Amino acid sequence: MHRLIFTVVLLALAVAQPALGKSLELAAVDVRGPGITGSVNLSREELGVVRSERSPVALALVELSREHPLESPTAELGPRYYLAYHLNLGAAPNLRSETVAVQLYPYAEGGPLAYTPGGQELWSGPASRSDYYRVPAGWYRYPSTLVDRMQSHGLPSKAVASSVSDRGATVNRLLLVALLLTLLFFSRRLRRRSVVLPRRPTAV
């Protein structure tokens, strides 16, 4: 029941009109990942102001409140990006905004995928521990329309993102090899120093 109520609240958050001012709403989204210096910041207008429950932004937000039946994907995921949903929870000064972290795979085989990490909570009532809602963790399909909008505001294309990601993986592998060679070199030197030389016979 608590989950159903929160889903309704989240839908109200999604379809809030600009005229409502500081009502429940998606305030902005930050995107970080390969090929992005710092982060790409999108306002709710840039991502798309929600007009109905079927809009891409509404669908993406409601997925945060659902149990995710999608199992861990086995197909190629491609570069990973980190989204931060900034949500305004009300107009009153004591109602702070909340942030939900989502991992986005915009170029996954078969279409964009997202993963919501566990351990995240959102305020859903008066300021008491029992009125915090735990965001369900799991995998789900992400609206490709939102990926297109992110691309128009700075999300790298698939080719650029894959190239940057591959270069990063190559650098990491080279660093790992260099570290292993360094450890091998010093371990051999320590072994040589630890060899006990035979004692010379003492004169009688």
Foldseek 3Di string as FASTA:
>chain_A
DLLVVVLVVLLCQQQDDVVVPLAKYFAWKWKDWFPDDPIFIGGCVLLPRDNDCPDQVNVVRSLQSDADPDDDDPFAQATKMKMWTWIRHGDDPVRHIDIFIKIWRQPTPPGIKIWGDFDDWDAQDPPDPVRIHTGHTDMDGHDNSSVVSVVVRRDDDRVRRRVRVVVVVVVVVVVVVVVVVVVVVVVVVVVVVPDDDDDDDDDD
